[in-house]
């Protein structure tokens, strides 16, 4: 189990996972709501997150702090959505809890790697 966690949670993989989760969220939001404004805001947010993640991958300390806060913010949102849908859709709530846990652990890994080169 420790080897699997070490494989999944490196700085690069945590950042890629974060961007993939955000891309899925943008896609789902765009398809559900279907307006140009939702698509535009989602794609713009994804682009900004990608730039910050790229700088964090390069080891920029300020970007590492920023992406850590963004990951924790997204995890809090996933946790709140999971909690609110616990009675109505327990399967979706479980997925939300897994996403929130992944983002929290990923944020901790990214933050802990801030001293690495």
C-alpha atoms as a PDB file:
ATOM      1  CA  UNK A   1       0.000   0.000   0.000  1.00  0.00           C
ATOM      2  CA  UNK A   2       2.843   2.380   0.799  1.00  0.00           C
ATOM      3  CA  UNK A   3       4.377   1.801  -2.634  1.00  0.00           C
ATOM      4  CA  UNK A   4       1.050   2.614  -4.305  1.00  0.00           C
ATOM      5  CA  UNK A   5       0.748   5.853  -2.343  1.00  0.00           C
ATOM      6  CA  UNK A   6       4.348   6.759  -3.155  1.00  0.00           C
ATOM      7  CA  UNK A   7       3.602   6.093  -6.834  1.00  0.00           C
ATOM      8  CA  UNK A   8       0.361   8.100  -6.900  1.00  0.00           C
ATOM      9  CA  UNK A   9       1.499  11.015  -4.823  1.00  0.00           C
ATOM     10  CA  UNK A  10       4.533  12.666  -6.260  1.00  0.00           C
ATOM     11  CA  UNK A  11       4.414  16.390  -6.942  1.00  0.00           C
ATOM     12  CA  UNK A  12       3.955  15.898 -10.679  1.00  0.00           C
ATOM     13  CA  UNK A  13       1.265  13.219 -10.394  1.00  0.00           C
ATOM     14  CA  UNK A  14      -0.652  15.143  -7.749  1.00  0.00           C
ATOM     15  CA  UNK A  15      -0.670  18.234  -9.969  1.00  0.00           C
ATOM     16  CA  UNK A  16      -1.725  16.258 -13.045  1.00  0.00           C
ATOM     17  CA  UNK A  17      -4.470  14.560 -11.030  1.00  0.00           C
ATOM     18  CA  UNK A  18      -5.667  17.925  -9.795  1.00  0.00           C
ATOM     19  CA  UNK A  19      -5.824  19.297 -13.327  1.00  0.00           C
ATOM     20  CA  UNK A  20      -7.632  16.189 -14.585  1.00  0.00           C
ATOM     21  CA  UNK A  21     -10.223  16.462 -11.813  1.00  0.00           C
ATOM     22  CA  UNK A  22     -10.700  20.138 -12.629  1.00  0.00           C
ATOM     23  CA  UNK A  23     -11.058  19.317 -16.353  1.00  0.00           C
ATOM     24  CA  UNK A  24     -13.744  16.737 -15.553  1.00  0.00           C
ATOM     25  CA  UNK A  25     -15.539  19.289 -13.365  1.00  0.00           C
ATOM     26  CA  UNK A  26     -15.435  21.864 -16.167  1.00  0.00           C
ATOM     27  CA  UNK A  27     -16.752  19.328 -18.658  1.00  0.00           C
ATOM     28  CA  UNK A  28     -19.597  18.180 -16.411  1.00  0.00           C
ATOM     29  CA  UNK A  29     -20.534  21.739 -15.462  1.00  0.00           C
ATOM     30  CA  UNK A  30     -20.512  22.817 -19.090  1.00  0.00           C
ATOM     31  CA  UNK A  31     -22.638  19.898 -20.230  1.00  0.00           C
ATOM     32  CA  UNK A  32     -25.158  20.221 -17.393  1.00  0.00           C
ATOM     33  CA  UNK A  33     -25.630  23.971 -17.551  1.00  0.00           C
ATOM     34  CA  UNK A  34     -24.844  24.377 -21.225  1.00  0.00           C
ATOM     35  CA  UNK A  35     -24.268  28.111 -21.388  1.00  0.00           C
ATOM     36  CA  UNK A  36     -21.357  29.879 -23.023  1.00  0.00           C
ATOM     37  CA  UNK A  37     -20.620  31.734 -19.805  1.00  0.00           C
ATOM     38  CA  UNK A  38     -20.193  28.513 -17.805  1.00  0.00           C
ATOM     39  CA  UNK A  39     -17.923  27.061 -20.484  1.00  0.00           C
ATOM     40  CA  UNK A  40     -15.856  30.249 -20.682  1.00  0.00           C
ATOM     41  CA  UNK A  41     -15.366  30.609 -16.939  1.00  0.00           C
ATOM     42  CA  UNK A  42     -14.560  26.918 -16.579  1.00  0.00           C
ATOM     43  CA  UNK A  43     -11.989  26.889 -19.368  1.00  0.00           C
ATOM     44  CA  UNK A  44     -10.432  30.128 -18.110  1.00  0.00           C
ATOM     45  CA  UNK A  45     -10.163  28.706 -14.578  1.00  0.00           C
ATOM     46  CA  UNK A  46      -8.622  25.515 -15.944  1.00  0.00           C
ATOM     47  CA  UNK A  47      -6.071  27.529 -17.935  1.00  0.00           C
ATOM     48  CA  UNK A  48      -5.115  29.612 -14.888  1.00  0.00           C
ATOM     49  CA  UNK A  49      -4.834  26.467 -12.743  1.00  0.00           C
ATOM     50  CA  UNK A  50      -2.624  24.878 -15.406  1.00  0.00           C
ATOM     51  CA  UNK A  51      -0.254  27.853 -15.459  1.00  0.00           C
ATOM     52  CA  UNK A  52      -0.005  27.888 -11.666  1.00  0.00           C
ATOM     53  CA  UNK A  53       0.524  24.112 -11.615  1.00  0.00           C
ATOM     54  CA  UNK A  54       3.277  24.403 -14.222  1.00  0.00           C
ATOM     55  CA  UNK A  55       5.118  26.936 -12.102  1.00  0.00           C
ATOM     56  CA  UNK A  56       4.583  24.751  -9.032  1.00  0.00           C
ATOM     57  CA  UNK A  57       6.038  21.799 -10.912  1.00  0.00           C
ATOM     58  CA  UNK A  58       9.079  23.943 -11.693  1.00  0.00           C
ATOM     59  CA  UNK A  59       9.544  24.499  -7.962  1.00  0.00           C
ATOM     60  CA  UNK A  60       8.388  28.100  -7.604  1.00  0.00           C
ATOM     61  CA  UNK A  61       7.535  28.467  -3.919  1.00  0.00           C
ATOM     62  CA  UNK A  62       4.743  31.010  -4.350  1.00  0.00           C
ATOM     63  CA  UNK A  63       3.056  28.798  -6.947  1.00  0.00           C
ATOM     64  CA  UNK A  64       3.376  25.785  -4.662  1.00  0.00           C
ATOM     65  CA  UNK A  65       1.601  27.725  -1.926  1.00  0.00           C
ATOM     66  CA  UNK A  66      -1.062  28.890  -4.391  1.00  0.00           C
ATOM     67  CA  UNK A  67      -1.747  25.457  -5.844  1.00  0.00           C
ATOM     68  CA  UNK A  68      -1.863  23.965  -2.346  1.00  0.00           C
ATOM     69  CA  UNK A  69      -4.530  26.470  -1.350  1.00  0.00           C
ATOM     70  CA  UNK A  70      -6.437  25.861  -4.588  1.00  0.00           C
ATOM     71  CA  UNK A  71      -6.365  22.113  -4.041  1.00  0.00           C
ATOM     72  CA  UNK A  72      -7.620  22.514  -0.471  1.00  0.00           C
ATOM     73  CA  UNK A  73     -10.343  24.882  -1.692  1.00  0.00           C
ATOM     74  CA  UNK A  74     -11.470  22.377  -4.333  1.00  0.00           C
ATOM     75  CA  UNK A  75     -11.356  19.598  -1.721  1.00  0.00           C
ATOM     76  CA  UNK A  76     -13.590  21.637   0.588  1.00  0.00           C
ATOM     77  CA  UNK A  77     -16.061  22.130  -2.258  1.00  0.00           C
ATOM     78  CA  UNK A  78     -16.075  18.410  -3.056  1.00  0.00           C
ATOM     79  CA  UNK A  79     -16.565  17.602   0.611  1.00  0.00           C
ATOM     80  CA  UNK A  80     -19.502  20.013   0.924  1.00  0.00           C
ATOM     81  CA  UNK A  81     -21.143  18.575  -2.193  1.00  0.00           C
ATOM     82  CA  UNK A  82     -20.614  15.047  -0.893  1.00  0.00           C
ATOM     83  CA  UNK A  83     -22.067  15.959   2.473  1.00  0.00           C
ATOM     84  CA  UNK A  84     -25.138  17.629   0.962  1.00  0.00           C
ATOM     85  CA  UNK A  85     -25.863  14.656  -1.300  1.00  0.00           C
ATOM     86  CA  UNK A  86     -25.280  11.970   1.310  1.00  0.00           C
ATOM     87  CA  UNK A  87     -28.948  10.986   1.704  1.00  0.00           C
ATOM     88  CA  UNK A  88     -30.092  11.414  -1.883  1.00  0.00           C
ATOM     89  CA  UNK A  89     -27.155   9.852  -3.738  1.00  0.00           C
ATOM     90  CA  UNK A  90     -24.792   7.958  -1.437  1.00  0.00           C
ATOM     91  CA  UNK A  91     -22.750   6.632  -4.371  1.00  0.00           C
ATOM     92  CA  UNK A  92     -22.029  10.102  -5.647  1.00  0.00           C
ATOM     93  CA  UNK A  93     -21.287  11.227  -2.098  1.00  0.00           C
ATOM     94  CA  UNK A  94     -18.714   8.460  -1.802  1.00  0.00           C
ATOM     95  CA  UNK A  95     -17.083   9.601  -5.051  1.00  0.00           C
ATOM     96  CA  UNK A  96     -17.015  13.158  -3.700  1.00  0.00           C
ATOM     97  CA  UNK A  97     -15.363  11.963  -0.491  1.00  0.00           C
ATOM     98  CA  UNK A  98     -12.711  10.072  -2.476  1.00  0.00           C
ATOM     99  CA  UNK A  99     -12.047  13.148  -4.635  1.00  0.00           C
ATOM    100  CA  UNK A 100     -11.789  15.348  -1.541  1.00  0.00           C
ATOM    101  CA  UNK A 101      -9.405  12.906   0.144  1.00  0.00           C
ATOM    102  CA  UNK A 102      -7.264  12.715  -3.005  1.00  0.00           C
ATOM    103  CA  UNK A 103      -7.068  16.493  -3.220  1.00  0.00           C
ATOM    104  CA  UNK A 104      -6.170  16.908   0.451  1.00  0.00           C
ATOM    105  CA  UNK A 105      -3.420  14.287   0.305  1.00  0.00           C
ATOM    106  CA  UNK A 106      -2.205  15.702  -3.005  1.00  0.00           C
ATOM    107  CA  UNK A 107      -2.102  19.201  -1.537  1.00  0.00           C
ATOM    108  CA  UNK A 108      -0.074  17.948   1.390  1.00  0.00           C
ATOM    109  CA  UNK A 109       2.357  16.190  -0.934  1.00  0.00           C
ATOM    110  CA  UNK A 110       2.758  19.286  -3.112  1.00  0.00           C
ATOM    111  CA  UNK A 111       3.257  21.462  -0.051  1.00  0.00           C
ATOM    112  CA  UNK A 112       5.760  19.063   1.486  1.00  0.00           C
ATOM    113  CA  UNK A 113       7.778  19.086  -1.745  1.00  0.00           C
ATOM    114  CA  UNK A 114       8.288  22.857  -1.663  1.00  0.00           C
ATOM    115  CA  UNK A 115      11.896  22.456  -0.510  1.00  0.00           C
ATOM    116  CA  UNK A 116      12.801  20.049  -3.313  1.00  0.00           C
ATOM    117  CA  UNK A 117      14.392  21.282  -6.511  1.00  0.00           C
END
